[in-house]
Amino acid sequence: MIEDSGPPNNESVDYPDYGIKLAQAIVAQKAERGILVCGTGVGMSITVNRFPEIRGALCSDIYTAKLCREHNDSNVLVLAGRVVGVGLAQEIVRTWLNTAFEGGRHQRRLDKIEQIDLPLKSKGET
């Protein structure tokens, strides 16, 4: 099933709201994967990768889209709407959606990443 949860028009929005919504849906297993589009894609990438179990990949070429699925089991594709043209974006999405995770040595590496336990900081703490 495909669900468009983006803004209803081209007005400026706070992109973290949309990244958070998508990441929460994946963590809650309401979605398996998602695609985000913003100006450069950097802010969306930072936002979604703050969540456990999210592997967001900013892709601006087909090769990266293929490898981020094969090697990293990326579950969020981030596209830069101001950087990548429509035709290329369509090919990136098609490649990302149709590429499977290879597992094997790549799974071992993902397992190591999942074991990273970063200390939590309270607001105002340095």
PDB file of N, CA and C in Angstrom:
ATOM      1  N   MET A   1       0.842  -1.180   0.000  1.00  0.00           N
ATOM      2  CA  MET A   1       0.000   0.000   0.000  1.00  0.00           C
ATOM      3  C   MET A   1       0.889   1.246   0.000  1.00  0.00           C
ATOM      4  N   ILE A   2       0.507   2.223  -0.742  1.00  0.00           N
ATOM      5  CA  ILE A   2       1.225   3.492  -0.789  1.00  0.00           C
ATOM      6  C   ILE A   2       0.351   4.564  -0.143  1.00  0.00           C
ATOM      7  N   GLU A   3       0.959   5.342   0.739  1.00  0.00           N
ATOM      8  CA  GLU A   3       0.248   6.439   1.388  1.00  0.00           C
ATOM      9  C   GLU A   3       1.072   7.704   1.266  1.00  0.00           C
ATOM     10  N   ASP A   4       0.498   8.743   0.712  1.00  0.00           N
ATOM     11  CA  ASP A   4       1.162  10.041   0.617  1.00  0.00           C
ATOM     12  C   ASP A   4       0.797  10.836   1.860  1.00  0.00           C
ATOM     13  N   SER A   5       1.767  11.033   2.722  1.00  0.00           N
ATOM     14  CA  SER A   5       1.541  11.767   3.973  1.00  0.00           C
ATOM     15  C   SER A   5       2.212  13.127   3.953  1.00  0.00           C
ATOM     16  N   GLY A   6       2.546  13.594   2.771  1.00  0.00           N
ATOM     17  CA  GLY A   6       3.236  14.869   2.639  1.00  0.00           C
ATOM     18  C   GLY A   6       2.300  16.048   2.742  1.00  0.00           C
ATOM     19  N   PRO A   7       2.866  17.242   2.686  1.00  0.00           N
ATOM     20  CA  PRO A   7       2.044  18.450   2.770  1.00  0.00           C
ATOM     21  C   PRO A   7       1.099  18.548   1.572  1.00  0.00           C
ATOM     22  N   PRO A   8      -0.024  19.229   1.743  1.00  0.00           N
ATOM     23  CA  PRO A   8      -1.029  19.298   0.688  1.00  0.00           C
ATOM     24  C   PRO A   8      -0.677  20.254  -0.461  1.00  0.00           C
ATOM     25  N   ASN A   9       0.356  21.077  -0.258  1.00  0.00           N
ATOM     26  CA  ASN A   9       0.721  22.042  -1.297  1.00  0.00           C
ATOM     27  C   ASN A   9       2.213  22.342  -1.209  1.00  0.00           C
ATOM     28  N   ASN A  10       2.674  23.328  -1.959  1.00  0.00           N
ATOM     29  CA  ASN A  10       4.099  23.665  -1.994  1.00  0.00           C
ATOM     30  C   ASN A  10       4.510  24.720  -0.972  1.00  0.00           C
ATOM     31  N   GLU A  11       3.625  25.031  -0.045  1.00  0.00           N
ATOM     32  CA  GLU A  11       3.958  26.001   1.004  1.00  0.00           C
ATOM     33  C   GLU A  11       5.078  25.443   1.889  1.00  0.00           C
ATOM     34  N   SER A  12       5.854  26.317   2.474  1.00  0.00           N
ATOM     35  CA  SER A  12       6.931  25.918   3.373  1.00  0.00           C
ATOM     36  C   SER A  12       6.349  25.226   4.607  1.00  0.00           C
ATOM     37  N   VAL A  13       6.996  24.130   5.009  1.00  0.00           N
ATOM     38  CA  VAL A  13       6.581  23.392   6.205  1.00  0.00           C
ATOM     39  C   VAL A  13       7.817  23.094   7.047  1.00  0.00           C
ATOM     40  N   ASP A  14       7.597  22.654   8.255  1.00  0.00           N
ATOM     41  CA  ASP A  14       8.690  22.195   9.102  1.00  0.00           C
ATOM     42  C   ASP A  14       8.944  20.725   8.763  1.00  0.00           C
ATOM     43  N   TYR A  15       9.986  20.481   7.953  1.00  0.00           N
ATOM     44  CA  TYR A  15      10.260  19.126   7.465  1.00  0.00           C
ATOM     45  C   TYR A  15      10.409  18.082   8.568  1.00  0.00           C
ATOM     46  N   PRO A  16      10.939  18.427   9.778  1.00  0.00           N
ATOM     47  CA  PRO A  16      11.051  17.371  10.795  1.00  0.00           C
ATOM     48  C   PRO A  16       9.709  16.711  11.119  1.00  0.00           C
ATOM     49  N   ASP A  17       8.613  17.475  11.046  1.00  0.00           N
ATOM     50  CA  ASP A  17       7.300  16.904  11.348  1.00  0.00           C
ATOM     51  C   ASP A  17       7.012  15.700  10.457  1.00  0.00           C
ATOM     52  N   TYR A  18       7.393  15.777   9.193  1.00  0.00           N
ATOM     53  CA  TYR A  18       7.121  14.700   8.244  1.00  0.00           C
ATOM     54  C   TYR A  18       8.109  13.548   8.406  1.00  0.00           C
ATOM     55  N   GLY A  19       9.355  13.872   8.678  1.00  0.00           N
ATOM     56  CA  GLY A  19      10.344  12.824   8.928  1.00  0.00           C
ATOM     57  C   GLY A  19      10.025  12.039  10.187  1.00  0.00           C
ATOM     58  N   ILE A  20       9.626  12.746  11.227  1.00  0.00           N
ATOM     59  CA  ILE A  20       9.259  12.103  12.488  1.00  0.00           C
ATOM     60  C   ILE A  20       8.066  11.183  12.287  1.00  0.00           C
ATOM     61  N   LYS A  21       7.068  11.665  11.578  1.00  0.00           N
ATOM     62  CA  LYS A  21       5.856  10.872  11.333  1.00  0.00           C
ATOM     63  C   LYS A  21       6.201   9.565  10.612  1.00  0.00           C
ATOM     64  N   LEU A  22       7.050   9.650   9.605  1.00  0.00           N
ATOM     65  CA  LEU A  22       7.425   8.454   8.853  1.00  0.00           C
ATOM     66  C   LEU A  22       8.247   7.508   9.723  1.00  0.00           C
ATOM     67  N   ALA A  23       9.237   8.031  10.420  1.00  0.00           N
ATOM     68  CA  ALA A  23      10.083   7.182  11.274  1.00  0.00           C
ATOM     69  C   ALA A  23       9.245   6.479  12.342  1.00  0.00           C
ATOM     70  N   GLN A  24       8.321   7.190  12.949  1.00  0.00           N
ATOM     71  CA  GLN A  24       7.466   6.585  13.966  1.00  0.00           C
ATOM     72  C   GLN A  24       6.604   5.468  13.372  1.00  0.00           C
ATOM     73  N   ALA A  25       6.124   5.660  12.157  1.00  0.00           N
ATOM     74  CA  ALA A  25       5.305   4.628  11.502  1.00  0.00           C
ATOM     75  C   ALA A  25       6.128   3.364  11.255  1.00  0.00           C
ATOM     76  N   ILE A  26       7.386   3.522  10.869  1.00  0.00           N
ATOM     77  CA  ILE A  26       8.234   2.355  10.627  1.00  0.00           C
ATOM     78  C   ILE A  26       8.578   1.661  11.942  1.00  0.00           C
ATOM     79  N   VAL A  27       8.957   2.417  12.948  1.00  0.00           N
ATOM     80  CA  VAL A  27       9.289   1.835  14.251  1.00  0.00           C
ATOM     81  C   VAL A  27       8.081   1.099  14.833  1.00  0.00           C
ATOM     82  N   ALA A  28       6.887   1.643  14.638  1.00  0.00           N
ATOM     83  CA  ALA A  28       5.655   1.018  15.138  1.00  0.00           C
ATOM     84  C   ALA A  28       5.157  -0.096  14.216  1.00  0.00           C
ATOM     85  N   GLN A  29       5.898  -0.383  13.162  1.00  0.00           N
ATOM     86  CA  GLN A  29       5.573  -1.425  12.183  1.00  0.00           C
ATOM     87  C   GLN A  29       4.253  -1.179  11.463  1.00  0.00           C
ATOM     88  N   LYS A  30       3.926   0.099  11.291  1.00  0.00           N
ATOM     89  CA  LYS A  30       2.761   0.474  10.486  1.00  0.00           C
ATOM     90  C   LYS A  30       3.165   0.647   9.029  1.00  0.00           C
ATOM     91  N   ALA A  31       4.476   0.704   8.797  1.00  0.00           N
ATOM     92  CA  ALA A  31       5.042   0.796   7.450  1.00  0.00           C
ATOM     93  C   ALA A  31       6.368   0.052   7.451  1.00  0.00           C
ATOM     94  N   GLU A  32       6.713  -0.532   6.306  1.00  0.00           N
ATOM     95  CA  GLU A  32       8.001  -1.232   6.194  1.00  0.00           C
ATOM     96  C   GLU A  32       9.101  -0.282   5.754  1.00  0.00           C
ATOM     97  N   ARG A  33       8.765   0.578   4.806  1.00  0.00           N
ATOM     98  CA  ARG A  33       9.740   1.514   4.246  1.00  0.00           C
ATOM     99  C   ARG A  33       9.025   2.806   3.906  1.00  0.00           C
ATOM    100  N   GLY A  34       9.828   3.858   3.670  1.00  0.00           N
ATOM    101  CA  GLY A  34       9.244   5.135   3.299  1.00  0.00           C
ATOM    102  C   GLY A  34      10.207   5.968   2.485  1.00  0.00           C
ATOM    103  N   ILE A  35       9.646   6.950   1.808  1.00  0.00           N
ATOM    104  CA  ILE A  35      10.412   7.865   0.970  1.00  0.00           C
ATOM    105  C   ILE A  35      10.098   9.282   1.410  1.00  0.00           C
ATOM    106  N   LEU A  36      11.145  10.073   1.599  1.00  0.00           N
ATOM    107  CA  LEU A  36      10.999  11.472   1.982  1.00  0.00           C
ATOM    108  C   LEU A  36      11.665  12.355   0.929  1.00  0.00           C
ATOM    109  N   VAL A  37      11.070  13.511   0.688  1.00  0.00           N
ATOM    110  CA  VAL A  37      11.640  14.476  -0.250  1.00  0.00           C
ATOM    111  C   VAL A  37      11.651  15.836   0.428  1.00  0.00           C
ATOM    112  N   CYS A  38      12.815  16.472   0.413  1.00  0.00           N
ATOM    113  CA  CYS A  38      12.894  17.861   0.863  1.00  0.00           C
ATOM    114  C   CYS A  38      13.930  18.569   0.007  1.00  0.00           C
ATOM    115  N   GLY A  39      14.232  19.797   0.296  1.00  0.00           N
ATOM    116  CA  GLY A  39      15.118  20.598  -0.548  1.00  0.00           C
ATOM    117  C   GLY A  39      16.437  19.935  -0.864  1.00  0.00           C
ATOM    118  N   THR A  40      17.278  19.739   0.153  1.00  0.00           N
ATOM    119  CA  THR A  40      18.567  19.078  -0.053  1.00  0.00           C
ATOM    120  C   THR A  40      18.552  17.636   0.432  1.00  0.00           C
ATOM    121  N   GLY A  41      17.591  17.285   1.252  1.00  0.00           N
ATOM    122  CA  GLY A  41      17.518  15.955   1.824  1.00  0.00           C
ATOM    123  C   GLY A  41      18.324  15.790   3.098  1.00  0.00           C
ATOM    124  N   VAL A  42      19.187  16.736   3.384  1.00  0.00           N
ATOM    125  CA  VAL A  42      20.065  16.617   4.550  1.00  0.00           C
ATOM    126  C   VAL A  42      19.257  16.664   5.849  1.00  0.00           C
ATOM    127  N   GLY A  43      18.374  17.624   5.987  1.00  0.00           N
ATOM    128  CA  GLY A  43      17.583  17.751   7.213  1.00  0.00           C
ATOM    129  C   GLY A  43      16.717  16.532   7.470  1.00  0.00           C
ATOM    130  N   MET A  44      16.105  16.007   6.426  1.00  0.00           N
ATOM    131  CA  MET A  44      15.289  14.796   6.571  1.00  0.00           C
ATOM    132  C   MET A  44      16.154  13.616   6.988  1.00  0.00           C
ATOM    133  N   SER A  45      17.346  13.501   6.400  1.00  0.00           N
ATOM    134  CA  SER A  45      18.245  12.402   6.752  1.00  0.00           C
ATOM    135  C   SER A  45      18.625  12.465   8.223  1.00  0.00           C
ATOM    136  N   ILE A  46      18.983  13.642   8.683  1.00  0.00           N
ATOM    137  CA  ILE A  46      19.345  13.815  10.089  1.00  0.00           C
ATOM    138  C   ILE A  46      18.165  13.456  10.982  1.00  0.00           C
ATOM    139  N   THR A  47      16.994  13.905  10.612  1.00  0.00           N
ATOM    140  CA  THR A  47      15.798  13.663  11.418  1.00  0.00           C
ATOM    141  C   THR A  47      15.501  12.173  11.558  1.00  0.00           C
ATOM    142  N   VAL A  48      15.378  11.462  10.455  1.00  0.00           N
ATOM    143  CA  VAL A  48      14.965  10.054  10.544  1.00  0.00           C
ATOM    144  C   VAL A  48      16.028   9.171  11.182  1.00  0.00           C
ATOM    145  N   ASN A  49      17.287   9.505  10.993  1.00  0.00           N
ATOM    146  CA  ASN A  49      18.349   8.668  11.544  1.00  0.00           C
ATOM    147  C   ASN A  49      18.544   8.843  13.044  1.00  0.00           C
ATOM    148  N   ARG A  50      17.758   9.697  13.658  1.00  0.00           N
ATOM    149  CA  ARG A  50      17.758   9.824  15.116  1.00  0.00           C
ATOM    150  C   ARG A  50      16.964   8.685  15.756  1.00  0.00           C
ATOM    151  N   PHE A  51      16.186   7.964  14.963  1.00  0.00           N
ATOM    152  CA  PHE A  51      15.317   6.910  15.472  1.00  0.00           C
ATOM    153  C   PHE A  51      15.994   5.548  15.388  1.00  0.00           C
ATOM    154  N   PRO A  52      15.813   4.712  16.442  1.00  0.00           N
ATOM    155  CA  PRO A  52      16.345   3.351  16.365  1.00  0.00           C
ATOM    156  C   PRO A  52      15.635   2.594  15.244  1.00  0.00           C
ATOM    157  N   GLU A  53      16.338   1.684  14.630  1.00  0.00           N
ATOM    158  CA  GLU A  53      15.797   0.820  13.573  1.00  0.00           C
ATOM    159  C   GLU A  53      15.596   1.530  12.249  1.00  0.00           C
ATOM    160  N   ILE A  54      15.917   2.798  12.177  1.00  0.00           N
ATOM    161  CA  ILE A  54      15.787   3.526  10.911  1.00  0.00           C
ATOM    162  C   ILE A  54      17.159   3.628  10.264  1.00  0.00           C
ATOM    163  N   ARG A  55      17.175   3.300   8.992  1.00  0.00           N
ATOM    164  CA  ARG A  55      18.387   3.415   8.191  1.00  0.00           C
ATOM    165  C   ARG A  55      18.037   4.256   6.973  1.00  0.00           C
ATOM    166  N   GLY A  56      18.079   5.563   7.184  1.00  0.00           N
ATOM    167  CA  GLY A  56      17.739   6.500   6.124  1.00  0.00           C
ATOM    168  C   GLY A  56      18.944   6.795   5.257  1.00  0.00           C
ATOM    169  N   ALA A  57      18.745   6.766   3.942  1.00  0.00           N
ATOM    170  CA  ALA A  57      19.839   7.018   3.006  1.00  0.00           C
ATOM    171  C   ALA A  57      19.454   8.126   2.036  1.00  0.00           C
ATOM    172  N   LEU A  58      20.276   9.150   1.999  1.00  0.00           N
ATOM    173  CA  LEU A  58      20.111  10.248   1.044  1.00  0.00           C
ATOM    174  C   LEU A  58      20.772   9.807  -0.260  1.00  0.00           C
ATOM    175  N   CYS A  59      19.995   9.679  -1.304  1.00  0.00           N
ATOM    176  CA  CYS A  59      20.509   9.182  -2.583  1.00  0.00           C
ATOM    177  C   CYS A  59      20.294  10.209  -3.685  1.00  0.00           C
ATOM    178  N   SER A  60      21.344  10.434  -4.444  1.00  0.00           N
ATOM    179  CA  SER A  60      21.232  11.331  -5.599  1.00  0.00           C
ATOM    180  C   SER A  60      21.676  10.637  -6.877  1.00  0.00           C
ATOM    181  N   ASP A  61      21.857   9.302  -6.785  1.00  0.00           N
ATOM    182  CA  ASP A  61      22.201   8.533  -7.983  1.00  0.00           C
ATOM    183  C   ASP A  61      21.680   7.102  -7.833  1.00  0.00           C
ATOM    184  N   ILE A  62      21.579   6.411  -8.930  1.00  0.00           N
ATOM    185  CA  ILE A  62      21.016   5.061  -8.960  1.00  0.00           C
ATOM    186  C   ILE A  62      21.924   4.066  -8.244  1.00  0.00           C
ATOM    187  N   TYR A  63      23.225   4.200  -8.425  1.00  0.00           N
ATOM    188  CA  TYR A  63      24.180   3.278  -7.804  1.00  0.00           C
ATOM    189  C   TYR A  63      24.046   3.288  -6.280  1.00  0.00           C
ATOM    190  N   THR A  64      23.973   4.467  -5.684  1.00  0.00           N
ATOM    191  CA  THR A  64      23.828   4.577  -4.233  1.00  0.00           C
ATOM    192  C   THR A  64      22.494   3.992  -3.779  1.00  0.00           C
ATOM    193  N   ALA A  65      21.433   4.220  -4.547  1.00  0.00           N
ATOM    194  CA  ALA A  65      20.120   3.665  -4.212  1.00  0.00           C
ATOM    195  C   ALA A  65      20.172   2.137  -4.190  1.00  0.00           C
ATOM    196  N   LYS A  66      20.880   1.561  -5.134  1.00  0.00           N
ATOM    197  CA  LYS A  66      21.013   0.102  -5.209  1.00  0.00           C
ATOM    198  C   LYS A  66      21.809  -0.417  -4.017  1.00  0.00           C
ATOM    199  N   LEU A  67      22.963   0.175  -3.756  1.00  0.00           N
ATOM    200  CA  LEU A  67      23.825  -0.332  -2.692  1.00  0.00           C
ATOM    201  C   LEU A  67      23.276  -0.080  -1.289  1.00  0.00           C
ATOM    202  N   CYS A  68      22.547   1.018  -1.099  1.00  0.00           N
ATOM    203  CA  CYS A  68      22.005   1.270   0.242  1.00  0.00           C
ATOM    204  C   CYS A  68      20.936   0.248   0.603  1.00  0.00           C
ATOM    205  N   ARG A  69      20.334  -0.365  -0.403  1.00  0.00           N
ATOM    206  CA  ARG A  69      19.398  -1.467  -0.141  1.00  0.00           C
ATOM    207  C   ARG A  69      20.152  -2.786   0.010  1.00  0.00           C
ATOM    208  N   GLU A  70      21.043  -3.096  -0.925  1.00  0.00           N
ATOM    209  CA  GLU A  70      21.770  -4.363  -0.899  1.00  0.00           C
ATOM    210  C   GLU A  70      22.643  -4.511   0.348  1.00  0.00           C
ATOM    211  N   HIS A  71      23.366  -3.462   0.701  1.00  0.00           N
ATOM    212  CA  HIS A  71      24.354  -3.543   1.773  1.00  0.00           C
ATOM    213  C   HIS A  71      23.854  -3.038   3.119  1.00  0.00           C
ATOM    214  N   ASN A  72      22.962  -2.063   3.122  1.00  0.00           N
ATOM    215  CA  ASN A  72      22.551  -1.414   4.370  1.00  0.00           C
ATOM    216  C   ASN A  72      21.097  -1.639   4.739  1.00  0.00           C
ATOM    217  N   ASP A  73      20.355  -2.340   3.907  1.00  0.00           N
ATOM    218  CA  ASP A  73      18.933  -2.589   4.154  1.00  0.00           C
ATOM    219  C   ASP A  73      18.204  -1.293   4.504  1.00  0.00           C
ATOM    220  N   SER A  74      18.519  -0.252   3.759  1.00  0.00           N
ATOM    221  CA  SER A  74      17.901   1.053   3.988  1.00  0.00           C
ATOM    222  C   SER A  74      16.378   0.918   3.982  1.00  0.00           C
ATOM    223  N   ASN A  75      15.736   1.497   4.994  1.00  0.00           N
ATOM    224  CA  ASN A  75      14.274   1.460   5.027  1.00  0.00           C
ATOM    225  C   ASN A  75      13.645   2.839   4.825  1.00  0.00           C
ATOM    226  N   VAL A  76      14.484   3.845   4.652  1.00  0.00           N
ATOM    227  CA  VAL A  76      13.993   5.179   4.286  1.00  0.00           C
ATOM    228  C   VAL A  76      14.894   5.732   3.182  1.00  0.00           C
ATOM    229  N   LEU A  77      14.277   6.092   2.089  1.00  0.00           N
ATOM    230  CA  LEU A  77      14.969   6.758   0.992  1.00  0.00           C
ATOM    231  C   LEU A  77      14.689   8.249   1.114  1.00  0.00           C
ATOM    232  N   VAL A  78      15.743   9.039   1.075  1.00  0.00           N
ATOM    233  CA  VAL A  78      15.591  10.487   1.129  1.00  0.00           C
ATOM    234  C   VAL A  78      16.087  11.056  -0.194  1.00  0.00           C
ATOM    235  N   LEU A  79      15.270  11.898  -0.789  1.00  0.00           N
ATOM    236  CA  LEU A  79      15.597  12.544  -2.059  1.00  0.00           C
ATOM    237  C   LEU A  79      15.665  14.054  -1.884  1.00  0.00           C
ATOM    238  N   ALA A  80      16.579  14.664  -2.624  1.00  0.00           N
ATOM    239  CA  ALA A  80      16.741  16.115  -2.595  1.00  0.00           C
ATOM    240  C   ALA A  80      15.987  16.723  -3.770  1.00  0.00           C
ATOM    241  N   GLY A  81      14.836  17.278  -3.499  1.00  0.00           N
ATOM    242  CA  GLY A  81      13.981  17.818  -4.543  1.00  0.00           C
ATOM    243  C   GLY A  81      14.583  18.972  -5.321  1.00  0.00           C
ATOM    244  N   ARG A  82      15.484  19.722  -4.697  1.00  0.00           N
ATOM    245  CA  ARG A  82      16.112  20.857  -5.384  1.00  0.00           C
ATOM    246  C   ARG A  82      17.403  20.465  -6.101  1.00  0.00           C
ATOM    247  N   VAL A  83      17.812  19.211  -5.952  1.00  0.00           N
ATOM    248  CA  VAL A  83      19.085  18.761  -6.503  1.00  0.00           C
ATOM    249  C   VAL A  83      18.899  17.717  -7.600  1.00  0.00           C
ATOM    250  N   VAL A  84      17.962  16.820  -7.402  1.00  0.00           N
ATOM    251  CA  VAL A  84      17.738  15.707  -8.320  1.00  0.00           C
ATOM    252  C   VAL A  84      16.526  15.996  -9.199  1.00  0.00           C
ATOM    253  N   GLY A  85      16.697  15.846 -10.498  1.00  0.00           N
ATOM    254  CA  GLY A  85      15.592  16.054 -11.435  1.00  0.00           C
ATOM    255  C   GLY A  85      14.556  14.951 -11.336  1.00  0.00           C
ATOM    256  N   VAL A  86      13.380  15.214 -11.870  1.00  0.00           N
ATOM    257  CA  VAL A  86      12.253  14.286 -11.770  1.00  0.00           C
ATOM    258  C   VAL A  86      12.572  12.930 -12.393  1.00  0.00           C
ATOM    259  N   GLY A  87      13.133  12.913 -13.589  1.00  0.00           N
ATOM    260  CA  GLY A  87      13.433  11.647 -14.255  1.00  0.00           C
ATOM    261  C   GLY A  87      14.409  10.797 -13.466  1.00  0.00           C
ATOM    262  N   LEU A  88      15.474  11.403 -12.982  1.00  0.00           N
ATOM    263  CA  LEU A  88      16.445  10.667 -12.179  1.00  0.00           C
ATOM    264  C   LEU A  88      15.819  10.216 -10.870  1.00  0.00           C
ATOM    265  N   ALA A  89      15.029  11.061 -10.245  1.00  0.00           N
ATOM    266  CA  ALA A  89      14.359  10.690  -8.992  1.00  0.00           C
ATOM    267  C   ALA A  89      13.487   9.459  -9.198  1.00  0.00           C
ATOM    268  N   GLN A  90      12.782   9.396 -10.320  1.00  0.00           N
ATOM    269  CA  GLN A  90      11.936   8.234 -10.600  1.00  0.00           C
ATOM    270  C   GLN A  90      12.773   6.964 -10.725  1.00  0.00           C
ATOM    271  N   GLU A  91      13.925   7.054 -11.367  1.00  0.00           N
ATOM    272  CA  GLU A  91      14.814   5.891 -11.510  1.00  0.00           C
ATOM    273  C   GLU A  91      15.410   5.485 -10.165  1.00  0.00           C
ATOM    274  N   ILE A  92      15.759   6.453  -9.343  1.00  0.00           N
ATOM    275  CA  ILE A  92      16.280   6.163  -8.007  1.00  0.00           C
ATOM    276  C   ILE A  92      15.223   5.431  -7.190  1.00  0.00           C
ATOM    277  N   VAL A  93      13.997   5.926  -7.203  1.00  0.00           N
ATOM    278  CA  VAL A  93      12.904   5.298  -6.451  1.00  0.00           C
ATOM    279  C   VAL A  93      12.657   3.888  -6.963  1.00  0.00           C
ATOM    280  N   ARG A  94      12.581   3.718  -8.263  1.00  0.00           N
ATOM    281  CA  ARG A  94      12.342   2.400  -8.858  1.00  0.00           C
ATOM    282  C   ARG A  94      13.442   1.415  -8.432  1.00  0.00           C
ATOM    283  N   THR A  95      14.688   1.848  -8.508  1.00  0.00           N
ATOM    284  CA  THR A  95      15.810   0.995  -8.120  1.00  0.00           C
ATOM    285  C   THR A  95      15.735   0.642  -6.644  1.00  0.00           C
ATOM    286  N   TRP A  96      15.496   1.632  -5.803  1.00  0.00           N
ATOM    287  CA  TRP A  96      15.440   1.428  -4.357  1.00  0.00           C
ATOM    288  C   TRP A  96      14.313   0.468  -3.983  1.00  0.00           C
ATOM    289  N   LEU A  97      13.157   0.642  -4.592  1.00  0.00           N
ATOM    290  CA  LEU A  97      12.016  -0.221  -4.273  1.00  0.00           C
ATOM    291  C   LEU A  97      12.215  -1.660  -4.737  1.00  0.00           C
ATOM    292  N   ASN A  98      12.962  -1.846  -5.814  1.00  0.00           N
ATOM    293  CA  ASN A  98      13.098  -3.179  -6.418  1.00  0.00           C
ATOM    294  C   ASN A  98      14.404  -3.895  -6.081  1.00  0.00           C
ATOM    295  N   THR A  99      15.182  -3.346  -5.176  1.00  0.00           N
ATOM    296  CA  THR A  99      16.445  -3.966  -4.790  1.00  0.00           C
ATOM    297  C   THR A  99      16.292  -4.605  -3.416  1.00  0.00           C
ATOM    298  N   ALA A 100      16.730  -5.848  -3.322  1.00  0.00           N
ATOM    299  CA  ALA A 100      16.630  -6.600  -2.061  1.00  0.00           C
ATOM    300  C   ALA A 100      17.922  -6.477  -1.253  1.00  0.00           C
ATOM    301  N   PHE A 101      17.793  -6.665   0.046  1.00  0.00           N
ATOM    302  CA  PHE A 101      18.932  -6.710   0.959  1.00  0.00           C
ATOM    303  C   PHE A 101      19.652  -8.039   0.753  1.00  0.00           C
ATOM    304  N   GLU A 102      20.981  -8.003   0.660  1.00  0.00           N
ATOM    305  CA  GLU A 102      21.774  -9.215   0.422  1.00  0.00           C
ATOM    306  C   GLU A 102      22.014 -10.036   1.681  1.00  0.00           C
ATOM    307  N   GLY A 103      21.951  -9.428   2.860  1.00  0.00           N
ATOM    308  CA  GLY A 103      22.227 -10.165   4.090  1.00  0.00           C
ATOM    309  C   GLY A 103      23.693 -10.540   4.190  1.00  0.00           C
ATOM    310  N   GLY A 104      23.978 -11.729   4.741  1.00  0.00           N
ATOM    311  CA  GLY A 104      25.349 -12.205   4.860  1.00  0.00           C
ATOM    312  C   GLY A 104      26.222 -11.263   5.663  1.00  0.00           C
ATOM    313  N   ARG A 105      27.384 -10.941   5.105  1.00  0.00           N
ATOM    314  CA  ARG A 105      28.328 -10.066   5.820  1.00  0.00           C
ATOM    315  C   ARG A 105      27.714  -8.698   6.108  1.00  0.00           C
ATOM    316  N   HIS A 106      26.770  -8.284   5.284  1.00  0.00           N
ATOM    317  CA  HIS A 106      26.121  -6.990   5.494  1.00  0.00           C
ATOM    318  C   HIS A 106      25.237  -7.026   6.742  1.00  0.00           C
ATOM    319  N   GLN A 107      24.583  -8.160   6.988  1.00  0.00           N
ATOM    320  CA  GLN A 107      23.769  -8.285   8.194  1.00  0.00           C
ATOM    321  C   GLN A 107      24.644  -8.197   9.441  1.00  0.00           C
ATOM    322  N   ARG A 108      25.803  -8.819   9.399  1.00  0.00           N
ATOM    323  CA  ARG A 108      26.729  -8.760  10.533  1.00  0.00           C
ATOM    324  C   ARG A 108      27.090  -7.300  10.841  1.00  0.00           C
ATOM    325  N   ARG A 109      27.292  -6.527   9.817  1.00  0.00           N
ATOM    326  CA  ARG A 109      27.656  -5.118  10.001  1.00  0.00           C
ATOM    327  C   ARG A 109      26.486  -4.315  10.554  1.00  0.00           C
ATOM    328  N   LEU A 110      25.292  -4.594  10.047  1.00  0.00           N
ATOM    329  CA  LEU A 110      24.112  -3.905  10.581  1.00  0.00           C
ATOM    330  C   LEU A 110      23.890  -4.262  12.048  1.00  0.00           C
ATOM    331  N   ASP A 111      24.136  -5.517  12.386  1.00  0.00           N
ATOM    332  CA  ASP A 111      23.997  -5.933  13.787  1.00  0.00           C
ATOM    333  C   ASP A 111      24.944  -5.146  14.685  1.00  0.00           C
ATOM    334  N   LYS A 112      26.143  -4.899  14.210  1.00  0.00           N
ATOM    335  CA  LYS A 112      27.102  -4.108  14.991  1.00  0.00           C
ATOM    336  C   LYS A 112      26.595  -2.679  15.185  1.00  0.00           C
ATOM    337  N   ILE A 113      26.018  -2.114  14.156  1.00  0.00           N
ATOM    338  CA  ILE A 113      25.472  -0.753  14.259  1.00  0.00           C
ATOM    339  C   ILE A 113      24.331  -0.721  15.273  1.00  0.00           C
ATOM    340  N   GLU A 114      23.471  -1.734  15.229  1.00  0.00           N
ATOM    341  CA  GLU A 114      22.326  -1.789  16.150  1.00  0.00           C
ATOM    342  C   GLU A 114      22.769  -1.921  17.606  1.00  0.00           C
ATOM    343  N   GLN A 115      23.970  -2.424  17.837  1.00  0.00           N
ATOM    344  CA  GLN A 115      24.475  -2.597  19.198  1.00  0.00           C
ATOM    345  C   GLN A 115      25.003  -1.301  19.807  1.00  0.00           C
ATOM    346  N   ILE A 116      25.144  -0.270  18.994  1.00  0.00           N
ATOM    347  CA  ILE A 116      25.636   1.003  19.505  1.00  0.00           C
ATOM    348  C   ILE A 116      24.620   1.564  20.484  1.00  0.00           C
ATOM    349  N   ASP A 117      25.054   1.796  21.681  1.00  0.00           N
ATOM    350  CA  ASP A 117      24.179   2.326  22.720  1.00  0.00           C
ATOM    351  C   ASP A 117      24.696   3.707  23.107  1.00  0.00           C
ATOM    352  N   LEU A 118      24.131   4.713  22.507  1.00  0.00           N
ATOM    353  CA  LEU A 118      24.573   6.071  22.771  1.00  0.00           C
ATOM    354  C   LEU A 118      23.961   6.581  24.068  1.00  0.00           C
ATOM    355  N   PRO A 119      24.757   7.268  24.880  1.00  0.00           N
ATOM    356  CA  PRO A 119      24.196   7.817  26.127  1.00  0.00           C
ATOM    357  C   PRO A 119      23.152   8.893  25.813  1.00  0.00           C
ATOM    358  N   LEU A 120      22.102   8.893  26.593  1.00  0.00           N
ATOM    359  CA  LEU A 120      21.058   9.891  26.422  1.00  0.00           C
ATOM    360  C   LEU A 120      21.465  11.164  27.150  1.00  0.00           C
ATOM    361  N   LYS A 121      21.244  12.290  26.510  1.00  0.00           N
ATOM    362  CA  LYS A 121      21.516  13.580  27.151  1.00  0.00           C
ATOM    363  C   LYS A 121      20.189  14.268  27.419  1.00  0.00           C
ATOM    364  N   SER A 122      20.080  14.848  28.598  1.00  0.00           N
ATOM    365  CA  SER A 122      18.892  15.637  28.869  1.00  0.00           C
ATOM    366  C   SER A 122      19.083  17.019  28.258  1.00  0.00           C
ATOM    367  N   LYS A 123      18.009  17.708  28.031  1.00  0.00           N
ATOM    368  CA  LYS A 123      18.071  19.053  27.451  1.00  0.00           C
ATOM    369  C   LYS A 123      18.919  19.948  28.329  1.00  0.00           C
ATOM    370  N   GLY A 124      19.794  20.704  27.692  1.00  0.00           N
ATOM    371  CA  GLY A 124      20.628  21.643  28.403  1.00  0.00           C
ATOM    372  C   GLY A 124      21.937  21.041  28.897  1.00  0.00           C
ATOM    373  N   GLU A 125      22.063  19.710  28.798  1.00  0.00           N
ATOM    374  CA  GLU A 125      23.280  19.049  29.246  1.00  0.00           C
ATOM    375  C   GLU A 125      24.311  19.057  28.119  1.00  0.00           C
ATOM    376  N   THR A 126      25.577  19.220  28.449  1.00  0.00           N
ATOM    377  CA  THR A 126      26.620  19.200  27.426  1.00  0.00           C
ATOM    378  C   THR A 126      27.556  18.037  27.592  1.00  0.00           C
TER     379      THR A 126
END
